[in-house]
Amino acid sequence: MMQETNNTSTLFPRLSDEVLQHLKEYGTEIDLEIGECLFREGDRSYDFHVVLDGEIIVTKKISGQEQTLATHQKGEFIGELSILTDADSIASGYATVASRILKLEQETFKQVIAKFPFLADIFISTLAARTKIVEQQLQQQEQLASLGKLSAGIAHELKNPAAAAARVADELLTRFQISQNLSLQLHQSGLNSQQLDFLSDFITQLQTIKNTKQFDILAQNHREDEITEWLEEHEVDPDGEMVSTLVDAGLDSQQLDNLSAQIPDNTLGIVVAWLAANLTTMGLIKEVKQSSDRISELVKSVKSYAHTNQAQLHQVDIHEGIENTLTMLRHKLKDGIKVIREYGQNLPVIQTSGSELNQVWTNLIDNAVDALEGKGNIFIRTSRNNKYVIVEIADNGPGIPPEIQSRIFEPFFTTKGVGKGSGLGLDIINDIVVKKHRGEIKLKSKPGNTSFQIFLPI
């Protein structure tokens, strides 16, 4: 009669020498060199293992990074509940030193725990506890990995307006000096106060009235030719940059005629150059403002998205949360992916803690992006009924096969390749929506239409 183990640790019980000796009758001993793989993540044939000598490290890939889950030494067994359900291995095991391992194949392992109930209690309770701990650990790592990817995306988004602002600021300094010099020449040109007032009103009107005319390439070229001919007729050097600036400001030959009617011919060259320089300077100032506005928008979205005060409930605007999430994911929503919003009116706020719901929108939108593989539409719809606020996130990708739809919310289940997903994204969503918010999740999927509907109690 086998005796129980000497170590009663819940997660890492160590089997006694007597138990190990008895188990050898049912298994096969194998030797591993340093670094040799015992089992690999995604393996279909996953067996039960006991370390007789040496050490085995158990790892899992999260977002391409190998994460250590556990280390097992002599007398400790390796496995998880998937061994009882013939599921794929969720992790990999490697020898860190030369090791000797006892392997019990799945069917043999089931026979052993059926024959020796006390071993069944030890094995199953340990494997269940390990699975729960691993799930919690990987959820944290998944969220950190997700945050890391979002941070990288936001850094990329911030880089563009910041670089643009720096570039324009340098250009603005040069242009401002040119404008100052031309202003000085203008005041020394002999223009009277009435003519200077006219110029002031003329450029103010151009700066305050936005040019709404949109030209195609041919029309743009035609307008540039028209301005160039006018300048040449009035003996003003038709500098290419000057011509483009005047056209972009909405000027045509008729407006230039009005200008020349008020200005002496001998000062027309200085006046047009001053006009173009000031319009260019104003355009650069607007570019700086656009860049700073974009940076402010991103910072505001990050601050709102990452609100993590879990100690108290907050009233959350669903649309604001979705928009903040889209801002965070903007780096992934380019090049062929279109987001179509169909927002309902007068949605009530939702009571939630921190940024939990943003994690839901992030995971669902991120999954939709992956499903589309760079091309397609994502639909975001919101509505309400008497009991729920309803958020639907759908895509027109290939769909989820019917045979696996019932399993997609299971922990560790993923349709992505090894290392590309932990299989916990939808499990996290289920935990937030169903367990924490007492809501519901509904899935409908067929080729060309996959829809997740989130029902949140009002």
Protein backbone atom coordinates (compact mmCIF):
# COMPACT_ATOMS: atom_id res chain seq x y z
CA MET A 1 0.00 0.00 0.00
CA MET A 2 1.48 3.35 -1.07
CA GLN A 3 1.75 6.04 1.59
CA GLU A 4 0.91 9.72 1.08
CA THR A 5 3.51 12.30 0.21
CA ASN A 6 5.86 13.76 2.80
CA ASN A 7 5.15 17.32 1.65
CA THR A 8 1.61 18.70 1.76
CA SER A 9 2.25 21.99 -0.08
CA THR A 10 -0.82 22.81 -2.15
CA LEU A 11 1.01 23.94 -5.28
CA PHE A 12 4.24 21.93 -5.11
CA PRO A 13 3.69 18.73 -3.09
CA ARG A 14 6.71 16.44 -3.17
CA LEU A 15 6.03 12.73 -3.62
CA SER A 16 7.77 10.42 -1.17
CA ASP A 17 10.49 8.00 -2.33
CA GLU A 18 8.05 5.14 -1.73
CA VAL A 19 5.41 6.69 -3.99
CA LEU A 20 8.02 7.46 -6.63
CA GLN A 21 9.25 3.89 -6.58
CA HIS A 22 5.73 2.56 -6.98
CA LEU A 23 4.87 4.96 -9.81
CA LYS A 24 7.88 3.68 -11.75
CA GLU A 25 5.92 0.48 -12.34
CA TYR A 26 3.42 2.47 -14.42
CA GLY A 27 5.66 4.86 -16.28
CA THR A 28 8.72 5.26 -18.45
CA GLU A 29 11.95 6.93 -17.37
CA ILE A 30 13.50 9.41 -19.79
CA ASP A 31 16.75 11.39 -19.61
CA LEU A 32 17.05 15.02 -20.67
CA GLU A 33 20.12 17.12 -21.38
CA ILE A 34 20.40 20.78 -20.36
CA GLY A 35 17.92 22.84 -22.38
CA GLU A 36 16.15 19.80 -23.83
CA CYS A 37 12.38 20.14 -24.22
CA LEU A 38 10.10 17.83 -22.23
CA PHE A 39 6.82 19.11 -23.68
CA ARG A 40 5.91 22.08 -25.81
CA GLU A 41 3.06 24.62 -25.74
CA GLY A 42 0.33 23.50 -28.11
CA ASP A 43 1.34 19.80 -28.03
CA ARG A 44 -1.60 17.49 -28.64
CA SER A 45 -0.01 14.59 -26.79
CA TYR A 46 0.60 15.91 -23.30
CA ASP A 47 1.54 13.43 -20.59
CA PHE A 48 1.96 13.47 -16.81
CA HIS A 49 5.54 13.89 -15.57
CA VAL A 50 7.37 13.48 -12.28
CA VAL A 51 10.90 14.78 -11.70
CA LEU A 52 13.14 11.95 -10.43
CA ASP A 53 16.36 13.97 -10.60
CA GLY A 54 17.26 17.44 -11.87
CA GLU A 55 15.02 20.41 -12.54
CA ILE A 56 12.31 21.37 -15.06
CA ILE A 57 11.25 24.95 -15.78
CA VAL A 58 7.72 25.57 -17.13
CA THR A 59 7.26 28.57 -19.45
CA LYS A 60 4.61 30.18 -21.65
CA LYS A 61 4.90 32.71 -24.45
CA ILE A 62 3.02 35.96 -23.88
CA SER A 63 3.13 38.42 -26.79
CA GLY A 64 6.28 36.79 -28.08
CA GLN A 65 8.02 36.88 -24.68
CA GLU A 66 8.82 33.67 -22.78
CA GLN A 67 7.37 33.91 -19.25
CA THR A 68 8.35 31.53 -16.42
CA LEU A 69 5.37 29.94 -14.68
CA ALA A 70 7.04 27.45 -12.31
CA THR A 71 10.16 25.43 -11.54
CA HIS A 72 9.92 21.76 -10.48
CA GLN A 73 12.55 19.69 -8.69
CA LYS A 74 12.93 16.11 -7.45
CA GLY A 75 9.68 14.54 -6.31
CA GLU A 76 7.46 17.24 -7.81
CA PHE A 77 5.02 16.47 -10.60
CA ILE A 78 4.20 18.52 -13.67
CA GLY A 79 0.83 18.87 -15.32
CA GLU A 80 -2.43 20.75 -15.40
CA LEU A 81 -6.13 19.92 -15.62
CA SER A 82 -5.96 19.79 -19.41
CA ILE A 83 -4.34 16.36 -19.04
CA LEU A 84 -7.70 15.03 -17.83
CA THR A 85 -9.60 16.54 -20.78
CA ASP A 86 -7.09 15.68 -23.53
CA ALA A 87 -6.62 19.40 -24.21
CA ASP A 88 -3.48 20.88 -25.73
CA SER A 89 -0.62 21.83 -23.46
CA ILE A 90 -0.82 25.49 -22.38
CA ALA A 91 2.91 25.71 -21.58
CA SER A 92 6.36 24.31 -22.37
CA GLY A 93 8.80 22.46 -20.12
CA TYR A 94 12.61 22.45 -20.39
CA ALA A 95 15.41 20.87 -18.37
CA THR A 96 17.62 23.48 -16.70
CA VAL A 97 20.15 20.77 -15.76
CA ALA A 98 20.64 17.16 -16.79
CA SER A 99 17.45 15.53 -15.53
CA ARG A 100 15.67 12.20 -15.25
CA ILE A 101 11.89 12.24 -15.66
CA LEU A 102 9.16 9.66 -15.09
CA LYS A 103 6.50 9.89 -17.80
CA LEU A 104 2.98 8.51 -17.38
CA GLU A 105 0.89 8.61 -20.53
CA GLN A 106 -2.57 10.13 -20.24
CA GLU A 107 -4.51 6.88 -20.11
CA THR A 108 -2.09 5.33 -17.64
CA PHE A 109 -2.29 8.44 -15.44
CA LYS A 110 -6.09 8.18 -15.36
CA GLN A 111 -5.84 4.51 -14.36
CA VAL A 112 -3.43 5.35 -11.53
CA ILE A 113 -5.65 8.05 -9.98
CA ALA A 114 -8.65 5.73 -10.31
CA LYS A 115 -6.76 2.95 -8.49
CA PHE A 116 -5.25 5.13 -5.75
CA PRO A 117 -7.85 7.68 -4.46
CA PHE A 118 -5.43 9.52 -2.17
CA LEU A 119 -3.19 10.25 -5.19
CA ALA A 120 -6.25 11.48 -7.09
CA ASP A 121 -6.96 13.92 -4.25
CA ILE A 122 -3.37 15.20 -4.30
CA PHE A 123 -3.02 15.37 -8.06
CA ILE A 124 -6.38 16.89 -8.94
CA SER A 125 -6.47 19.45 -6.10
CA THR A 126 -2.90 20.50 -6.92
CA LEU A 127 -3.53 20.75 -10.66
CA ALA A 128 -6.72 22.75 -10.06
CA ALA A 129 -4.90 25.16 -7.72
CA ARG A 130 -2.02 25.54 -10.18
CA THR A 131 -4.38 26.23 -13.07
CA LYS A 132 -6.10 28.97 -11.05
CA ILE A 133 -2.79 30.55 -10.01
CA VAL A 134 -1.44 30.37 -13.58
CA GLU A 135 -4.63 31.96 -14.90
CA GLN A 136 -4.34 34.86 -12.44
CA GLN A 137 -0.63 35.26 -13.17
CA LEU A 138 -1.15 35.24 -16.92
CA GLN A 139 -4.08 37.65 -16.68
CA GLN A 140 -1.78 40.15 -15.00
CA GLN A 141 0.94 39.54 -17.61
CA GLU A 142 -1.61 39.79 -20.42
CA GLN A 143 -2.82 43.15 -19.11
CA LEU A 144 0.76 44.38 -18.69
CA ALA A 145 1.63 43.20 -22.21
CA SER A 146 -1.49 44.93 -23.54
CA LEU A 147 -0.54 48.11 -21.69
CA GLY A 148 2.98 47.86 -23.12
CA LYS A 149 1.64 47.61 -26.67
CA LEU A 150 -0.72 50.52 -26.10
CA SER A 151 2.13 52.58 -24.63
CA ALA A 152 4.27 51.86 -27.68
CA GLY A 153 1.39 52.88 -29.94
CA ILE A 154 0.76 56.09 -28.04
CA ALA A 155 4.49 56.89 -28.09
CA HIS A 156 4.36 56.47 -31.87
CA GLU A 157 1.27 58.68 -32.10
CA LEU A 158 2.90 61.36 -29.94
CA LYS A 159 6.11 61.23 -31.93
CA ASN A 160 4.49 62.51 -35.12
CA PRO A 161 2.90 65.74 -33.80
CA ALA A 162 5.88 66.39 -31.51
CA ALA A 163 8.32 66.05 -34.41
CA ALA A 164 6.06 68.21 -36.59
CA ALA A 165 5.89 70.91 -33.92
CA ALA A 166 9.69 70.93 -33.54
CA ARG A 167 10.21 71.09 -37.30
CA VAL A 168 7.67 73.89 -37.75
CA ALA A 169 9.10 75.85 -34.81
CA ASP A 170 12.51 75.90 -36.51
CA GLU A 171 10.94 76.96 -39.80
CA LEU A 172 8.82 79.55 -38.02
CA LEU A 173 11.89 81.27 -36.58
CA THR A 174 13.36 81.70 -40.07
CA ARG A 175 10.06 82.87 -41.56
CA PHE A 176 9.48 85.33 -38.76
CA GLN A 177 12.83 86.97 -39.39
CA ILE A 178 12.00 87.24 -43.11
CA SER A 179 8.61 88.77 -42.29
CA GLN A 180 10.23 91.28 -39.96
CA ASN A 181 12.70 92.38 -42.63
CA LEU A 182 9.95 92.70 -45.26
CA SER A 183 7.76 94.68 -42.82
CA LEU A 184 10.61 97.09 -42.29
CA GLN A 185 11.09 97.46 -46.06
CA LEU A 186 7.35 97.98 -46.47
CA HIS A 187 7.29 100.88 -44.01
CA GLN A 188 10.33 102.43 -45.72
CA SER A 189 8.80 102.10 -49.21
CA GLY A 190 6.90 105.38 -49.04
CA LEU A 191 3.38 103.95 -48.71
CA ASN A 192 0.99 106.36 -47.01
CA SER A 193 -1.12 105.52 -43.98
CA GLN A 194 -4.23 104.83 -46.10
CA GLN A 195 -2.36 102.29 -48.22
CA LEU A 196 -0.86 100.61 -45.13
CA ASP A 197 -4.34 100.39 -43.59
CA PHE A 198 -5.63 98.80 -46.79
CA LEU A 199 -2.84 96.16 -46.66
CA SER A 200 -3.60 95.46 -43.00
CA ASP A 201 -7.29 94.90 -43.79
CA PHE A 202 -6.45 92.85 -46.89
CA ILE A 203 -4.21 90.35 -45.10
CA THR A 204 -6.49 90.19 -42.04
CA GLN A 205 -9.35 89.18 -44.29
CA LEU A 206 -7.23 86.45 -45.89
CA GLN A 207 -6.13 85.13 -42.49
CA THR A 208 -9.56 85.11 -40.87
CA ILE A 209 -11.59 83.77 -43.80
CA LYS A 210 -10.69 80.14 -44.26
CA ASN A 211 -10.13 79.07 -47.86
CA THR A 212 -12.76 76.36 -48.45
CA LYS A 213 -12.05 75.92 -52.13
CA GLN A 214 -10.77 72.44 -52.91
CA PHE A 215 -8.87 71.98 -56.16
CA ASP A 216 -7.88 68.81 -57.96
CA ILE A 217 -4.38 68.65 -59.40
CA LEU A 218 -5.37 70.11 -62.78
CA ALA A 219 -7.32 72.98 -61.20
CA GLN A 220 -4.44 73.65 -58.77
CA ASN A 221 -1.98 73.81 -61.66
CA HIS A 222 -4.30 76.10 -63.59
CA ARG A 223 -4.62 78.48 -60.62
CA GLU A 224 -0.82 78.50 -60.11
CA ASP A 225 -0.32 79.30 -63.83
CA GLU A 226 -2.85 82.14 -63.53
CA ILE A 227 -1.03 83.66 -60.51
CA THR A 228 2.38 83.20 -62.17
CA GLU A 229 1.22 85.02 -65.32
CA TRP A 230 -0.20 87.88 -63.23
CA LEU A 231 3.08 88.28 -61.31
CA GLU A 232 5.12 88.24 -64.53
CA GLU A 233 2.83 90.84 -66.13
CA HIS A 234 3.39 93.09 -63.10
CA GLU A 235 7.17 92.48 -63.12
CA VAL A 236 7.18 90.56 -59.83
CA ASP A 237 9.53 87.57 -59.63
CA PRO A 238 7.15 84.54 -59.59
CA ASP A 239 8.93 82.48 -56.91
CA GLY A 240 7.41 78.95 -56.82
CA GLU A 241 6.90 78.89 -53.08
CA MET A 242 5.30 82.35 -53.18
CA VAL A 243 2.88 81.22 -55.89
CA SER A 244 1.82 78.13 -53.91
CA THR A 245 1.26 80.23 -50.78
CA LEU A 246 -0.96 82.71 -52.62
CA VAL A 247 -3.00 79.93 -54.21
CA ASP A 248 -3.40 78.11 -50.88
CA ALA A 249 -4.68 81.36 -49.36
CA GLY A 250 -7.43 81.44 -51.99
CA LEU A 251 -6.10 84.37 -54.02
CA ASP A 252 -6.86 84.72 -57.71
CA SER A 253 -5.92 87.28 -60.35
CA GLN A 254 -9.02 89.40 -59.65
CA GLN A 255 -8.07 89.85 -55.99
CA LEU A 256 -4.52 90.66 -57.00
CA ASP A 257 -5.93 93.29 -59.40
CA ASN A 258 -7.77 94.85 -56.45
CA LEU A 259 -4.48 94.86 -54.55
CA SER A 260 -2.47 96.44 -57.36
CA ALA A 261 -5.13 99.15 -57.81
CA GLN A 262 -4.30 100.45 -54.34
CA ILE A 263 -0.52 99.99 -54.43
CA PRO A 264 2.06 101.84 -56.58
CA ASP A 265 3.79 99.64 -59.17
CA ASN A 266 7.25 100.32 -57.77
CA THR A 267 6.34 98.78 -54.36
CA LEU A 268 4.21 95.90 -55.65
CA GLY A 269 7.11 93.38 -55.46
CA ILE A 270 7.78 94.15 -51.78
CA VAL A 271 4.04 94.10 -50.97
CA VAL A 272 3.46 90.67 -52.57
CA ALA A 273 6.58 89.23 -50.91
CA TRP A 274 5.45 90.65 -47.54
CA LEU A 275 1.97 89.24 -48.11
CA ALA A 276 3.28 85.73 -48.94
CA ALA A 277 5.73 85.76 -46.01
CA ASN A 278 3.01 86.67 -43.51
CA LEU A 279 0.59 84.08 -44.92
CA THR A 280 3.32 81.44 -44.64
CA THR A 281 4.07 82.46 -41.04
CA MET A 282 0.39 82.26 -40.15
CA GLY A 283 0.17 78.82 -41.74
CA LEU A 284 3.11 77.60 -39.68
CA ILE A 285 1.54 78.93 -36.49
CA LYS A 286 -1.63 76.98 -37.31
CA GLU A 287 0.46 73.84 -37.83
CA VAL A 288 2.03 74.26 -34.38
CA LYS A 289 -1.44 74.67 -32.88
CA GLN A 290 -2.70 71.55 -34.65
CA SER A 291 0.27 69.56 -33.34
CA SER A 292 -0.17 70.79 -29.78
CA ASP A 293 -3.93 70.13 -29.95
CA ARG A 294 -3.20 66.57 -31.12
CA ILE A 295 -0.76 66.02 -28.25
CA SER A 296 -3.30 67.40 -25.76
CA GLU A 297 -5.98 65.11 -27.19
CA LEU A 298 -3.73 62.06 -26.79
CA VAL A 299 -2.71 62.97 -23.24
CA LYS A 300 -6.34 63.51 -22.27
CA SER A 301 -7.33 60.14 -23.76
CA VAL A 302 -4.48 58.33 -21.98
CA LYS A 303 -5.39 59.94 -18.67
CA SER A 304 -9.03 58.95 -19.03
CA TYR A 305 -8.27 55.48 -20.41
CA ALA A 306 -5.79 54.59 -17.66
CA HIS A 307 -7.93 55.80 -14.74
CA THR A 308 -7.18 53.04 -12.20
CA ASN A 309 -8.74 54.10 -8.92
CA GLN A 310 -10.31 50.76 -7.99
CA ALA A 311 -11.36 51.87 -4.50
CA GLN A 312 -14.63 53.50 -5.52
CA LEU A 313 -17.23 53.39 -8.25
CA HIS A 314 -17.30 56.02 -10.97
CA GLN A 315 -19.90 57.11 -13.47
CA VAL A 316 -18.59 56.23 -16.91
CA ASP A 317 -19.73 57.58 -20.27
CA ILE A 318 -19.68 54.56 -22.62
CA HIS A 319 -19.06 56.62 -25.75
CA GLU A 320 -16.20 58.54 -24.13
CA GLY A 321 -14.59 55.27 -23.03
CA ILE A 322 -14.88 53.78 -26.53
CA GLU A 323 -13.44 56.92 -28.13
CA ASN A 324 -10.52 56.94 -25.69
CA THR A 325 -9.89 53.29 -26.53
CA LEU A 326 -9.95 54.03 -30.26
CA THR A 327 -7.43 56.82 -29.67
CA MET A 328 -5.17 54.38 -27.81
CA LEU A 329 -5.47 51.87 -30.68
CA ARG A 330 -5.20 54.41 -33.51
CA HIS A 331 -1.79 53.07 -34.51
CA LYS A 332 -3.46 49.73 -35.34
CA LEU A 333 -6.50 51.22 -37.09
CA LYS A 334 -4.72 52.41 -40.21
CA ASP A 335 -3.99 51.07 -43.67
CA GLY A 336 -7.24 49.50 -44.77
CA ILE A 337 -9.26 49.19 -41.52
CA LYS A 338 -12.27 51.48 -41.21
CA VAL A 339 -14.20 52.07 -37.97
CA ILE A 340 -17.91 52.72 -38.46
CA ARG A 341 -19.69 54.21 -35.44
CA GLU A 342 -23.44 53.80 -34.96
CA TYR A 343 -23.99 55.36 -31.54
CA GLY A 344 -27.37 55.44 -29.84
CA GLN A 345 -28.73 58.64 -28.31
CA ASN A 346 -29.08 59.48 -24.61
CA LEU A 347 -27.21 56.47 -23.24
CA PRO A 348 -27.13 56.49 -19.42
CA VAL A 349 -23.81 56.42 -17.58
CA ILE A 350 -22.57 53.12 -16.11
CA GLN A 351 -21.23 52.60 -12.59
CA THR A 352 -17.82 50.94 -12.75
CA SER A 353 -14.44 51.00 -11.02
CA GLY A 354 -11.29 52.26 -12.73
CA SER A 355 -10.76 51.48 -16.40
CA GLU A 356 -12.20 47.96 -16.46
CA LEU A 357 -14.65 48.60 -19.29
CA ASN A 358 -11.87 50.13 -21.39
CA GLN A 359 -10.09 46.76 -21.10
CA VAL A 360 -13.22 45.14 -22.58
CA TRP A 361 -13.33 47.52 -25.54
CA THR A 362 -9.57 47.16 -26.04
CA ASN A 363 -9.63 43.35 -26.18
CA LEU A 364 -12.66 43.19 -28.50
CA ILE A 365 -11.39 45.84 -30.92
CA ASP A 366 -7.89 44.36 -30.87
CA ASN A 367 -9.33 40.92 -31.70
CA ALA A 368 -11.34 42.43 -34.55
CA VAL A 369 -8.20 44.08 -35.94
CA ASP A 370 -6.35 40.75 -35.82
CA ALA A 371 -9.27 38.98 -37.54
CA LEU A 372 -9.33 41.51 -40.39
CA GLU A 373 -5.60 41.10 -41.08
CA GLY A 374 -5.20 44.68 -42.25
CA LYS A 375 -8.33 45.16 -44.37
CA GLY A 376 -12.02 45.47 -43.54
CA ASN A 377 -14.59 47.24 -41.36
CA ILE A 378 -15.14 47.36 -37.61
CA PHE A 379 -18.65 48.35 -36.54
CA ILE A 380 -19.29 49.83 -33.08
CA ARG A 381 -22.96 50.15 -32.17
CA THR A 382 -24.55 51.29 -28.93
CA SER A 383 -28.17 51.23 -27.76
CA ARG A 384 -30.28 50.63 -24.67
CA ASN A 385 -33.39 48.86 -23.52
CA ASN A 386 -35.21 48.92 -20.19
CA LYS A 387 -32.52 46.96 -18.35
CA TYR A 388 -29.23 47.26 -20.23
CA VAL A 389 -26.85 49.47 -22.11
CA ILE A 390 -25.85 47.40 -25.15
CA VAL A 391 -22.48 47.75 -26.87
CA GLU A 392 -21.87 45.75 -30.03
CA ILE A 393 -18.44 45.40 -31.60
CA ALA A 394 -18.50 43.59 -34.94
CA ASP A 395 -16.24 43.01 -37.92
CA ASN A 396 -16.63 41.68 -41.45
CA GLY A 397 -13.72 39.26 -41.17
CA PRO A 398 -13.71 35.50 -41.81
CA GLY A 399 -15.71 34.64 -38.67
CA ILE A 400 -15.23 32.11 -35.85
CA PRO A 401 -15.80 28.45 -36.83
CA PRO A 402 -19.04 27.10 -35.29
CA GLU A 403 -17.28 24.12 -33.72
CA ILE A 404 -15.17 26.33 -31.42
CA GLN A 405 -17.61 29.15 -30.62
CA SER A 406 -18.69 27.46 -27.39
CA ARG A 407 -15.08 27.38 -26.16
CA ILE A 408 -13.79 30.87 -26.88
CA PHE A 409 -14.42 32.14 -23.32
CA GLU A 410 -12.49 29.24 -21.76
CA PRO A 411 -9.23 30.22 -20.05
CA PHE A 412 -6.16 29.53 -22.24
CA PHE A 413 -8.24 28.72 -25.35
CA THR A 414 -6.99 30.66 -28.37
CA THR A 415 -7.22 30.45 -32.14
CA LYS A 416 -3.98 32.40 -32.52
CA GLY A 417 -0.61 30.77 -33.03
CA VAL A 418 1.66 29.82 -30.14
CA GLY A 419 3.09 32.93 -28.49
CA LYS A 420 0.64 35.30 -30.22
CA GLY A 421 -2.06 35.07 -27.58
CA SER A 422 -2.48 33.70 -24.07
CA GLY A 423 -6.10 32.70 -24.58
CA LEU A 424 -7.11 34.99 -21.70
CA GLY A 425 -8.39 38.08 -23.54
CA LEU A 426 -11.99 36.87 -23.76
CA ASP A 427 -11.71 35.25 -20.33
CA ILE A 428 -10.81 38.69 -18.92
CA ILE A 429 -13.82 40.19 -20.74
CA ASN A 430 -16.10 37.51 -19.31
CA ASP A 431 -14.74 38.17 -15.82
CA ILE A 432 -15.32 41.94 -16.09
CA VAL A 433 -18.73 41.88 -17.79
CA VAL A 434 -20.41 38.83 -16.26
CA LYS A 435 -18.80 38.42 -12.84
CA LYS A 436 -18.07 42.02 -11.87
CA HIS A 437 -20.84 43.93 -13.66
CA ARG A 438 -23.47 41.16 -13.66
CA GLY A 439 -23.94 41.66 -17.37
CA GLU A 440 -24.18 39.34 -20.37
CA ILE A 441 -22.14 38.60 -23.49
CA LYS A 442 -23.65 37.30 -26.72
CA LEU A 443 -21.69 36.08 -29.73
CA LYS A 444 -22.92 35.71 -33.29
CA SER A 445 -20.44 34.74 -35.97
CA LYS A 446 -20.46 33.65 -39.56
CA PRO A 447 -18.14 34.48 -42.47
CA GLY A 448 -18.36 38.22 -43.06
CA ASN A 449 -20.01 39.07 -39.73
CA THR A 450 -18.69 38.41 -36.24
CA SER A 451 -20.52 40.30 -33.50
CA PHE A 452 -19.93 40.52 -29.74
CA GLN A 453 -22.79 42.15 -27.83
CA ILE A 454 -22.05 43.39 -24.31
CA PHE A 455 -25.09 43.91 -22.04
CA LEU A 456 -24.35 46.14 -19.03
CA PRO A 457 -27.05 46.66 -16.38
CA ILE A 458 -28.28 50.25 -16.11
